[in-house]
Amino acid sequence: MSNLTEERGGFESLGLSYPPVLNIKIETVVIGDVVCHWFIPGNTIATETVIYFHGGGFIYGSLQSHRAMVSHITQAIGRKILFIEYVLAPEHPFPAALHEAIAVIRELTADLDFRFGLMGDSAGGNLAISTALQLKTIGLPLPLYQVVISPWVNMETTYSSYSQNEKLDPIISRDFVRYAASLYAAGQSLKDPRMSPVHGDLGGLEPTLVLVGSTEVLRDDSLHLHTALQNAGSSAVLKIFDKANHVWTLTDIASTDSQHALTEISMFLNMATLKKRVY
């Protein structure tokens, strides 16, 4: 565990890559017995809430690692974001994070006027899709949309991008994915669609935006997710960023690719909510 503690500290330092947006208000709350953080922009342009799940392989990540990035996303989309600080493996393996996500949404949707979308990066992208699937299964209100950045949606390292991009991806390796999956799964089947949502019944979901870098080892997770959504009859948009690193917005928000990603997300949310007459 000492090595994991050091690894987590290193991941937390990503939150210092650039400063947060100063005029974004952050409030810590407890919802459904889960610690969450509201990101509140100065100018809110829409009525729905974006629920955000951070990345980190289900073993790293917190408000500290993602505060800056989420503040910039909040500013770009003009919506309140609820950042769920879900528990981490191996102390809390699957399905603890999923249970916490559902607990938060169950409490929020007790208010019938509460409308929301889901967003996440890497493992948080996994949790966004698996949460949408679980909400459908148990009959709770569905999100208006899903947005996932470099999502990790298949726990098995079988896609060709693992070998094709092995020497091109400076962030993620096949060994790390196997390591994180072993801690999160704790011996359970990696094929479980609540853990590998690309295997789930994706029909009936509202529109999904998938953003990924072309040289990521996880590139094919995004490609297969996009195809699976389309095959299930669900609307999906795939945006591939040439040579972008895994969750590139986390390390350099000022880059052209990051600014392009923020624009794509904002435009997608506006279109998805306009069709639902949220305004």
C-alpha atoms as a PDB file:
ATOM      1  CA  MET A   1       0.000   0.000   0.000  1.00  0.00           C
ATOM      2  CA  SER A   2       2.953   2.337   0.548  1.00  0.00           C
ATOM      3  CA  ASN A   3       3.724   2.299  -3.193  1.00  0.00           C
ATOM      4  CA  LEU A   4       0.068   2.987  -3.975  1.00  0.00           C
ATOM      5  CA  THR A   5       0.127   5.950  -1.598  1.00  0.00           C
ATOM      6  CA  GLU A   6       3.143   7.361  -3.449  1.00  0.00           C
ATOM      7  CA  GLU A   7       1.483   6.700  -6.807  1.00  0.00           C
ATOM      8  CA  ARG A   8      -1.622   8.550  -5.688  1.00  0.00           C
ATOM      9  CA  GLY A   9       0.486  11.481  -4.571  1.00  0.00           C
ATOM     10  CA  GLY A  10       2.102  11.633  -7.985  1.00  0.00           C
ATOM     11  CA  PHE A  11      -1.283  11.574  -9.685  1.00  0.00           C
ATOM     12  CA  GLU A  12      -2.568  14.333  -7.401  1.00  0.00           C
ATOM     13  CA  SER A  13       0.261  16.549  -8.596  1.00  0.00           C
ATOM     14  CA  LEU A  14      -1.356  16.651 -12.038  1.00  0.00           C
ATOM     15  CA  GLY A  15      -3.751  19.117 -10.458  1.00  0.00           C
ATOM     16  CA  LEU A  16      -0.870  21.596 -10.335  1.00  0.00           C
ATOM     17  CA  SER A  17      -0.206  21.476 -14.082  1.00  0.00           C
ATOM     18  CA  TYR A  18      -2.056  24.776 -14.524  1.00  0.00           C
ATOM     19  CA  PRO A  19      -4.204  27.052 -12.335  1.00  0.00           C
ATOM     20  CA  PRO A  20      -7.952  26.671 -11.872  1.00  0.00           C
ATOM     21  CA  VAL A  21     -10.425  29.290 -13.041  1.00  0.00           C
ATOM     22  CA  LEU A  22     -10.653  31.786 -10.187  1.00  0.00           C
ATOM     23  CA  ASN A  23     -14.288  32.781 -10.545  1.00  0.00           C
ATOM     24  CA  ILE A  24     -15.623  29.222 -10.313  1.00  0.00           C
ATOM     25  CA  LYS A  25     -17.137  28.683  -6.870  1.00  0.00           C
ATOM     26  CA  ILE A  26     -16.563  25.253  -5.288  1.00  0.00           C
ATOM     27  CA  GLU A  27     -18.810  23.953  -2.501  1.00  0.00           C
ATOM     28  CA  THR A  28     -18.381  20.589  -0.751  1.00  0.00           C
ATOM     29  CA  VAL A  29     -21.560  18.664   0.077  1.00  0.00           C
ATOM     30  CA  VAL A  30     -22.611  15.145   1.080  1.00  0.00           C
ATOM     31  CA  ILE A  31     -25.290  13.554  -1.105  1.00  0.00           C
ATOM     32  CA  GLY A  32     -26.418   9.986  -0.556  1.00  0.00           C
ATOM     33  CA  ASP A  33     -23.633   9.643   2.041  1.00  0.00           C
ATOM     34  CA  VAL A  34     -21.074  10.424  -0.694  1.00  0.00           C
ATOM     35  CA  VAL A  35     -18.717  13.415  -0.659  1.00  0.00           C
ATOM     36  CA  CYS A  36     -19.307  15.622  -3.703  1.00  0.00           C
ATOM     37  CA  HIS A  37     -18.210  19.057  -4.838  1.00  0.00           C
ATOM     38  CA  TRP A  38     -20.282  21.636  -6.680  1.00  0.00           C
ATOM     39  CA  PHE A  39     -18.477  23.684  -9.344  1.00  0.00           C
ATOM     40  CA  ILE A  40     -20.591  26.780  -9.917  1.00  0.00           C
ATOM     41  CA  PRO A  41     -19.845  29.164 -12.806  1.00  0.00           C
ATOM     42  CA  GLY A  42     -20.490  32.870 -12.598  1.00  0.00           C
ATOM     43  CA  ASN A  43     -22.731  32.712 -15.654  1.00  0.00           C
ATOM     44  CA  THR A  44     -24.968  29.628 -15.809  1.00  0.00           C
ATOM     45  CA  ILE A  45     -26.531  29.269 -19.256  1.00  0.00           C
ATOM     46  CA  ALA A  46     -28.525  26.042 -18.820  1.00  0.00           C
ATOM     47  CA  THR A  47     -30.679  24.388 -16.181  1.00  0.00           C
ATOM     48  CA  GLU A  48     -29.302  20.862 -16.109  1.00  0.00           C
ATOM     49  CA  THR A  49     -26.441  19.674 -13.906  1.00  0.00           C
ATOM     50  CA  VAL A  50     -23.391  17.843 -15.248  1.00  0.00           C
ATOM     51  CA  ILE A  51     -22.310  15.006 -12.968  1.00  0.00           C
ATOM     52  CA  TYR A  52     -18.562  14.441 -13.340  1.00  0.00           C
ATOM     53  CA  PHE A  53     -16.527  11.280 -12.633  1.00  0.00           C
ATOM     54  CA  HIS A  54     -12.747  11.640 -12.459  1.00  0.00           C
ATOM     55  CA  GLY A  55     -10.192   9.311 -13.978  1.00  0.00           C
ATOM     56  CA  GLY A  56      -7.282   7.513 -12.343  1.00  0.00           C
ATOM     57  CA  GLY A  57      -7.868   3.852 -13.086  1.00  0.00           C
ATOM     58  CA  PHE A  58     -10.338   3.575 -10.174  1.00  0.00           C
ATOM     59  CA  ILE A  59      -7.288   3.622  -7.892  1.00  0.00           C
ATOM     60  CA  TYR A  60      -6.156   7.267  -8.120  1.00  0.00           C
ATOM     61  CA  GLY A  61      -7.850  10.636  -8.390  1.00  0.00           C
ATOM     62  CA  SER A  62      -9.709  13.209  -6.322  1.00  0.00           C
ATOM     63  CA  LEU A  63     -10.779  16.825  -6.251  1.00  0.00           C
ATOM     64  CA  GLN A  64      -7.108  17.765  -5.924  1.00  0.00           C
ATOM     65  CA  SER A  65      -6.073  16.085  -9.184  1.00  0.00           C
ATOM     66  CA  HIS A  66      -9.057  17.349 -11.176  1.00  0.00           C
ATOM     67  CA  ARG A  67     -10.009  20.702  -9.645  1.00  0.00           C
ATOM     68  CA  ALA A  68      -8.249  22.803 -12.298  1.00  0.00           C
ATOM     69  CA  MET A  69      -9.510  20.853 -15.306  1.00  0.00           C
ATOM     70  CA  VAL A  70     -13.093  20.665 -14.077  1.00  0.00           C
ATOM     71  CA  SER A  71     -13.102  24.387 -13.326  1.00  0.00           C
ATOM     72  CA  HIS A  72     -12.146  25.093 -16.943  1.00  0.00           C
ATOM     73  CA  ILE A  73     -14.808  22.694 -18.203  1.00  0.00           C
ATOM     74  CA  THR A  74     -17.366  24.413 -15.964  1.00  0.00           C
ATOM     75  CA  GLN A  75     -16.481  27.789 -17.398  1.00  0.00           C
ATOM     76  CA  ALA A  76     -16.570  26.508 -20.987  1.00  0.00           C
ATOM     77  CA  ILE A  77     -19.978  24.824 -20.755  1.00  0.00           C
ATOM     78  CA  GLY A  78     -21.709  27.374 -18.515  1.00  0.00           C
ATOM     79  CA  ARG A  79     -23.280  24.695 -16.345  1.00  0.00           C
ATOM     80  CA  LYS A  80     -22.993  23.606 -12.741  1.00  0.00           C
ATOM     81  CA  ILE A  81     -20.885  20.479 -12.349  1.00  0.00           C
ATOM     82  CA  LEU A  82     -21.287  18.043  -9.482  1.00  0.00           C
ATOM     83  CA  PHE A  83     -17.938  16.280  -8.997  1.00  0.00           C
ATOM     84  CA  ILE A  84     -18.427  12.935  -7.228  1.00  0.00           C
ATOM     85  CA  GLU A  85     -15.422  11.933  -5.134  1.00  0.00           C
ATOM     86  CA  TYR A  86     -16.142   8.224  -5.241  1.00  0.00           C
ATOM     87  CA  VAL A  87     -14.207   5.698  -3.142  1.00  0.00           C
ATOM     88  CA  LEU A  88     -11.125   4.047  -4.647  1.00  0.00           C
ATOM     89  CA  ALA A  89      -9.870   0.490  -5.042  1.00  0.00           C
ATOM     90  CA  PRO A  90      -8.339  -1.644  -3.676  1.00  0.00           C
ATOM     91  CA  GLU A  91      -9.797  -0.431  -0.365  1.00  0.00           C
ATOM     92  CA  HIS A  92     -13.205  -0.236  -2.036  1.00  0.00           C
ATOM     93  CA  PRO A  93     -13.244  -2.488  -5.138  1.00  0.00           C
ATOM     94  CA  PHE A  94     -15.988  -2.923  -7.724  1.00  0.00           C
ATOM     95  CA  PRO A  95     -18.885  -2.210  -7.496  1.00  0.00           C
ATOM     96  CA  ALA A  96     -18.375   0.380  -4.728  1.00  0.00           C
ATOM     97  CA  ALA A  97     -17.793   3.352  -7.061  1.00  0.00           C
ATOM     98  CA  LEU A  98     -20.852   2.450  -9.138  1.00  0.00           C
ATOM     99  CA  HIS A  99     -22.986   2.093  -6.012  1.00  0.00           C
ATOM    100  CA  GLU A 100     -21.927   5.546  -4.853  1.00  0.00           C
ATOM    101  CA  ALA A 101     -22.748   7.074  -8.228  1.00  0.00           C
ATOM    102  CA  ILE A 102     -26.223   5.554  -8.124  1.00  0.00           C
ATOM    103  CA  ALA A 103     -26.749   6.657  -4.514  1.00  0.00           C
ATOM    104  CA  VAL A 104     -26.006  10.278  -5.414  1.00  0.00           C
ATOM    105  CA  ILE A 105     -28.268  10.256  -8.457  1.00  0.00           C
ATOM    106  CA  ARG A 106     -31.054   8.456  -6.615  1.00  0.00           C
ATOM    107  CA  GLU A 107     -31.154  11.220  -4.006  1.00  0.00           C
ATOM    108  CA  LEU A 108     -30.923  14.025  -6.559  1.00  0.00           C
ATOM    109  CA  THR A 109     -33.655  12.632  -8.807  1.00  0.00           C
ATOM    110  CA  ALA A 110     -36.072  12.417  -5.890  1.00  0.00           C
ATOM    111  CA  ASP A 111     -36.651  15.995  -7.035  1.00  0.00           C
ATOM    112  CA  LEU A 112     -38.583  15.320 -10.226  1.00  0.00           C
ATOM    113  CA  ASP A 113     -37.345  18.589 -11.754  1.00  0.00           C
ATOM    114  CA  PHE A 114     -33.681  17.545 -11.509  1.00  0.00           C
ATOM    115  CA  ARG A 115     -32.166  17.031 -14.954  1.00  0.00           C
ATOM    116  CA  PHE A 116     -28.595  15.969 -15.563  1.00  0.00           C
ATOM    117  CA  GLY A 117     -25.930  14.708 -17.903  1.00  0.00           C
ATOM    118  CA  LEU A 118     -22.912  12.530 -17.187  1.00  0.00           C
ATOM    119  CA  MET A 119     -19.271  13.270 -17.963  1.00  0.00           C
ATOM    120  CA  GLY A 120     -15.990  11.570 -17.139  1.00  0.00           C
ATOM    121  CA  ASP A 121     -12.414  10.976 -18.200  1.00  0.00           C
ATOM    122  CA  SER A 122     -10.608   7.633 -18.493  1.00  0.00           C
ATOM    123  CA  ALA A 123     -11.956   5.406 -15.686  1.00  0.00           C
ATOM    124  CA  GLY A 124     -14.474   8.177 -15.057  1.00  0.00           C
ATOM    125  CA  GLY A 125     -15.675   7.680 -18.624  1.00  0.00           C
ATOM    126  CA  ASN A 126     -16.200   4.028 -17.760  1.00  0.00           C
ATOM    127  CA  LEU A 127     -18.205   5.071 -14.705  1.00  0.00           C
ATOM    128  CA  ALA A 128     -20.295   7.528 -16.724  1.00  0.00           C
ATOM    129  CA  ILE A 129     -21.373   4.827 -19.188  1.00  0.00           C
ATOM    130  CA  SER A 130     -21.806   2.085 -16.577  1.00  0.00           C
ATOM    131  CA  THR A 131     -23.863   4.470 -14.433  1.00  0.00           C
ATOM    132  CA  ALA A 132     -26.149   5.269 -17.367  1.00  0.00           C
ATOM    133  CA  LEU A 133     -26.615   1.539 -17.987  1.00  0.00           C
ATOM    134  CA  GLN A 134     -27.340   0.852 -14.330  1.00  0.00           C
ATOM    135  CA  LEU A 135     -29.851   3.709 -14.154  1.00  0.00           C
ATOM    136  CA  LYS A 136     -31.662   2.153 -17.105  1.00  0.00           C
ATOM    137  CA  THR A 137     -31.621  -1.271 -15.451  1.00  0.00           C
ATOM    138  CA  ILE A 138     -33.106  -0.089 -12.137  1.00  0.00           C
ATOM    139  CA  GLY A 139     -35.571   2.364 -13.659  1.00  0.00           C
ATOM    140  CA  LEU A 140     -34.183   5.667 -12.448  1.00  0.00           C
ATOM    141  CA  PRO A 141     -34.210   8.755 -14.706  1.00  0.00           C
ATOM    142  CA  LEU A 142     -31.642   8.619 -17.484  1.00  0.00           C
ATOM    143  CA  PRO A 143     -29.066  11.338 -18.186  1.00  0.00           C
ATOM    144  CA  LEU A 144     -29.709  13.760 -21.022  1.00  0.00           C
ATOM    145  CA  TYR A 145     -26.321  12.874 -22.501  1.00  0.00           C
ATOM    146  CA  GLN A 146     -22.947  11.298 -21.807  1.00  0.00           C
ATOM    147  CA  VAL A 147     -19.564  12.908 -22.551  1.00  0.00           C
ATOM    148  CA  VAL A 148     -16.441  10.790 -22.152  1.00  0.00           C
ATOM    149  CA  ILE A 149     -12.798  11.782 -22.624  1.00  0.00           C
ATOM    150  CA  SER A 150     -10.328   8.957 -23.356  1.00  0.00           C
ATOM    151  CA  PRO A 151     -12.738   6.442 -21.786  1.00  0.00           C
ATOM    152  CA  TRP A 152     -11.564   3.084 -20.456  1.00  0.00           C
ATOM    153  CA  VAL A 153     -14.619   0.933 -21.153  1.00  0.00           C
ATOM    154  CA  ASN A 154     -13.145  -2.554 -21.512  1.00  0.00           C
ATOM    155  CA  MET A 155     -11.131  -3.965 -18.613  1.00  0.00           C
ATOM    156  CA  GLU A 156      -9.559  -6.579 -20.884  1.00  0.00           C
ATOM    157  CA  THR A 157      -6.474  -5.419 -22.778  1.00  0.00           C
ATOM    158  CA  THR A 158      -7.404  -7.107 -26.044  1.00  0.00           C
ATOM    159  CA  TYR A 159      -7.752  -4.234 -28.512  1.00  0.00           C
ATOM    160  CA  SER A 160      -5.127  -3.705 -31.194  1.00  0.00           C
ATOM    161  CA  SER A 161      -4.324  -0.149 -30.037  1.00  0.00           C
ATOM    162  CA  TYR A 162      -2.489  -1.638 -27.048  1.00  0.00           C
ATOM    163  CA  SER A 163       0.183  -2.959 -29.396  1.00  0.00           C
ATOM    164  CA  GLN A 164      -0.109  -0.326 -32.139  1.00  0.00           C
ATOM    165  CA  ASN A 165       0.320   2.610 -29.742  1.00  0.00           C
ATOM    166  CA  GLU A 166       2.511   0.961 -27.126  1.00  0.00           C
ATOM    167  CA  LYS A 167       5.518   3.129 -27.983  1.00  0.00           C
ATOM    168  CA  LEU A 168       3.476   6.237 -28.795  1.00  0.00           C
ATOM    169  CA  ASP A 169       1.525   6.657 -25.544  1.00  0.00           C
ATOM    170  CA  PRO A 170       3.619   8.297 -22.784  1.00  0.00           C
ATOM    171  CA  ILE A 171       0.787   8.151 -20.238  1.00  0.00           C
ATOM    172  CA  ILE A 172      -0.831   4.707 -20.193  1.00  0.00           C
ATOM    173  CA  SER A 173       0.616   1.213 -20.729  1.00  0.00           C
ATOM    174  CA  ARG A 174      -0.913  -2.243 -21.027  1.00  0.00           C
ATOM    175  CA  ASP A 175       0.812  -3.184 -17.742  1.00  0.00           C
ATOM    176  CA  PHE A 176      -0.787  -0.266 -15.896  1.00  0.00           C
ATOM    177  CA  VAL A 177      -4.235  -1.113 -17.253  1.00  0.00           C
ATOM    178  CA  ARG A 178      -3.852  -4.712 -16.087  1.00  0.00           C
ATOM    179  CA  TYR A 179      -2.616  -3.519 -12.688  1.00  0.00           C
ATOM    180  CA  ALA A 180      -5.507  -1.103 -12.170  1.00  0.00           C
ATOM    181  CA  ALA A 181      -8.066  -3.613 -13.433  1.00  0.00           C
ATOM    182  CA  SER A 182      -6.812  -6.269 -11.018  1.00  0.00           C
ATOM    183  CA  LEU A 183      -7.178  -3.918  -8.041  1.00  0.00           C
ATOM    184  CA  TYR A 184     -10.619  -2.709  -9.092  1.00  0.00           C
ATOM    185  CA  ALA A 185     -12.058  -6.097 -10.126  1.00  0.00           C
ATOM    186  CA  ALA A 186     -10.685  -7.964  -7.093  1.00  0.00           C
ATOM    187  CA  GLY A 187     -11.107 -11.323  -8.817  1.00  0.00           C
ATOM    188  CA  GLN A 188     -14.465 -10.673 -10.470  1.00  0.00           C
ATOM    189  CA  SER A 189     -15.046 -11.165 -14.186  1.00  0.00           C
ATOM    190  CA  LEU A 190     -13.667  -8.341 -16.301  1.00  0.00           C
ATOM    191  CA  LYS A 191     -16.441  -9.038 -18.822  1.00  0.00           C
ATOM    192  CA  ASP A 192     -19.161  -7.848 -16.410  1.00  0.00           C
ATOM    193  CA  PRO A 193     -20.846  -4.965 -18.301  1.00  0.00           C
ATOM    194  CA  ARG A 194     -21.046  -2.971 -15.072  1.00  0.00           C
ATOM    195  CA  MET A 195     -17.243  -3.065 -15.145  1.00  0.00           C
ATOM    196  CA  SER A 196     -16.681  -3.144 -18.921  1.00  0.00           C
ATOM    197  CA  PRO A 197     -19.717  -1.187 -20.162  1.00  0.00           C
ATOM    198  CA  VAL A 198     -18.833  -1.633 -23.841  1.00  0.00           C
ATOM    199  CA  HIS A 199     -20.337  -5.124 -23.343  1.00  0.00           C
ATOM    200  CA  GLY A 200     -23.613  -3.760 -21.961  1.00  0.00           C
ATOM    201  CA  ASP A 201     -26.993  -3.149 -23.584  1.00  0.00           C
ATOM    202  CA  LEU A 202     -26.384   0.375 -24.855  1.00  0.00           C
ATOM    203  CA  GLY A 203     -29.772   0.746 -26.488  1.00  0.00           C
ATOM    204  CA  GLY A 204     -32.011   3.510 -25.215  1.00  0.00           C
ATOM    205  CA  LEU A 205     -29.231   5.795 -24.046  1.00  0.00           C
ATOM    206  CA  GLU A 206     -29.347   9.471 -24.902  1.00  0.00           C
ATOM    207  CA  PRO A 207     -26.583  10.950 -27.135  1.00  0.00           C
ATOM    208  CA  THR A 208     -22.942  10.286 -26.274  1.00  0.00           C
ATOM    209  CA  LEU A 209     -19.869  12.322 -27.229  1.00  0.00           C
ATOM    210  CA  VAL A 210     -16.596  10.367 -27.245  1.00  0.00           C
ATOM    211  CA  LEU A 211     -13.256  12.231 -27.362  1.00  0.00           C
ATOM    212  CA  VAL A 212      -9.945  10.381 -27.741  1.00  0.00           C
ATOM    213  CA  GLY A 213      -6.356  10.837 -28.893  1.00  0.00           C
ATOM    214  CA  SER A 214      -5.188   8.899 -31.945  1.00  0.00           C
ATOM    215  CA  THR A 215      -2.030   7.586 -30.270  1.00  0.00           C
ATOM    216  CA  GLU A 216      -3.515   6.389 -26.984  1.00  0.00           C
ATOM    217  CA  VAL A 217      -3.322   2.726 -26.035  1.00  0.00           C
ATOM    218  CA  LEU A 218      -6.980   3.185 -25.089  1.00  0.00           C
ATOM    219  CA  ARG A 219      -7.888   4.550 -28.531  1.00  0.00           C
ATOM    220  CA  ASP A 220      -9.797   1.430 -29.511  1.00  0.00           C
ATOM    221  CA  ASP A 221     -11.901   1.556 -26.339  1.00  0.00           C
ATOM    222  CA  SER A 222     -13.403   4.727 -27.797  1.00  0.00           C
ATOM    223  CA  LEU A 223     -13.764   3.271 -31.282  1.00  0.00           C
ATOM    224  CA  HIS A 224     -15.498   0.143 -30.006  1.00  0.00           C
ATOM    225  CA  LEU A 225     -17.744   2.159 -27.673  1.00  0.00           C
ATOM    226  CA  HIS A 226     -18.807   4.404 -30.548  1.00  0.00           C
ATOM    227  CA  THR A 227     -19.556   1.405 -32.759  1.00  0.00           C
ATOM    228  CA  ALA A 228     -21.424  -0.419 -29.987  1.00  0.00           C
ATOM    229  CA  LEU A 229     -23.599   2.627 -29.296  1.00  0.00           C
ATOM    230  CA  GLN A 230     -24.456   3.015 -32.971  1.00  0.00           C
ATOM    231  CA  ASN A 231     -25.175  -0.704 -33.365  1.00  0.00           C
ATOM    232  CA  ALA A 232     -27.544  -0.457 -30.386  1.00  0.00           C
ATOM    233  CA  GLY A 233     -29.418   2.402 -32.042  1.00  0.00           C
ATOM    234  CA  SER A 234     -28.089   5.094 -29.727  1.00  0.00           C
ATOM    235  CA  SER A 235     -26.759   8.389 -31.069  1.00  0.00           C
ATOM    236  CA  ALA A 236     -22.995   8.752 -30.725  1.00  0.00           C
ATOM    237  CA  VAL A 237     -20.386  11.226 -31.931  1.00  0.00           C
ATOM    238  CA  LEU A 238     -16.690  10.295 -32.050  1.00  0.00           C
ATOM    239  CA  LYS A 239     -13.971  12.949 -32.180  1.00  0.00           C
ATOM    240  CA  ILE A 240     -10.381  11.725 -32.656  1.00  0.00           C
ATOM    241  CA  PHE A 241      -7.602  14.199 -31.858  1.00  0.00           C
ATOM    242  CA  ASP A 242      -4.450  13.575 -33.863  1.00  0.00           C
ATOM    243  CA  LYS A 243      -1.536  12.590 -31.603  1.00  0.00           C
ATOM    244  CA  ALA A 244      -3.234  13.873 -28.432  1.00  0.00           C
ATOM    245  CA  ASN A 245      -2.157  12.182 -25.202  1.00  0.00           C
ATOM    246  CA  HIS A 246      -4.482  10.361 -22.824  1.00  0.00           C
ATOM    247  CA  VAL A 247      -6.863  12.927 -21.221  1.00  0.00           C
ATOM    248  CA  TRP A 248      -4.796  15.733 -22.717  1.00  0.00           C
ATOM    249  CA  THR A 249      -7.034  18.341 -21.084  1.00  0.00           C
ATOM    250  CA  LEU A 250      -5.722  17.313 -17.655  1.00  0.00           C
ATOM    251  CA  THR A 251      -2.123  18.306 -18.347  1.00  0.00           C
ATOM    252  CA  ASP A 252      -2.380  21.285 -20.718  1.00  0.00           C
ATOM    253  CA  ILE A 253      -5.702  23.086 -20.870  1.00  0.00           C
ATOM    254  CA  ALA A 254      -4.264  25.918 -22.981  1.00  0.00           C
ATOM    255  CA  SER A 255      -3.244  23.676 -25.888  1.00  0.00           C
ATOM    256  CA  THR A 256      -5.066  23.895 -29.199  1.00  0.00           C
ATOM    257  CA  ASP A 257      -6.388  20.349 -28.758  1.00  0.00           C
ATOM    258  CA  SER A 258      -7.692  21.102 -25.257  1.00  0.00           C
ATOM    259  CA  GLN A 259      -9.436  24.279 -26.357  1.00  0.00           C
ATOM    260  CA  HIS A 260     -10.907  22.393 -29.301  1.00  0.00           C
ATOM    261  CA  ALA A 261     -12.160  19.688 -26.917  1.00  0.00           C
ATOM    262  CA  LEU A 262     -13.833  22.274 -24.673  1.00  0.00           C
ATOM    263  CA  THR A 263     -15.557  23.779 -27.697  1.00  0.00           C
ATOM    264  CA  GLU A 264     -16.728  20.369 -28.905  1.00  0.00           C
ATOM    265  CA  ILE A 265     -18.139  19.549 -25.464  1.00  0.00           C
ATOM    266  CA  SER A 266     -19.949  22.871 -25.165  1.00  0.00           C
ATOM    267  CA  MET A 267     -21.483  22.589 -28.641  1.00  0.00           C
ATOM    268  CA  PHE A 268     -22.552  18.999 -28.013  1.00  0.00           C
ATOM    269  CA  LEU A 269     -24.241  19.846 -24.705  1.00  0.00           C
ATOM    270  CA  ASN A 270     -26.073  22.780 -26.243  1.00  0.00           C
ATOM    271  CA  MET A 271     -27.396  20.602 -29.072  1.00  0.00           C
ATOM    272  CA  ALA A 272     -28.367  17.718 -26.789  1.00  0.00           C
ATOM    273  CA  THR A 273     -30.228  19.913 -24.314  1.00  0.00           C
ATOM    274  CA  LEU A 274     -31.868  22.036 -26.998  1.00  0.00           C
ATOM    275  CA  LYS A 275     -33.472  18.891 -28.405  1.00  0.00           C
ATOM    276  CA  LYS A 276     -34.782  18.116 -24.923  1.00  0.00           C
ATOM    277  CA  ARG A 277     -36.141  21.683 -24.558  1.00  0.00           C
ATOM    278  CA  VAL A 278     -34.175  22.280 -21.396  1.00  0.00           C
ATOM    279  CA  TYR A 279     -33.926  26.012 -21.972  1.00  0.00           C
END
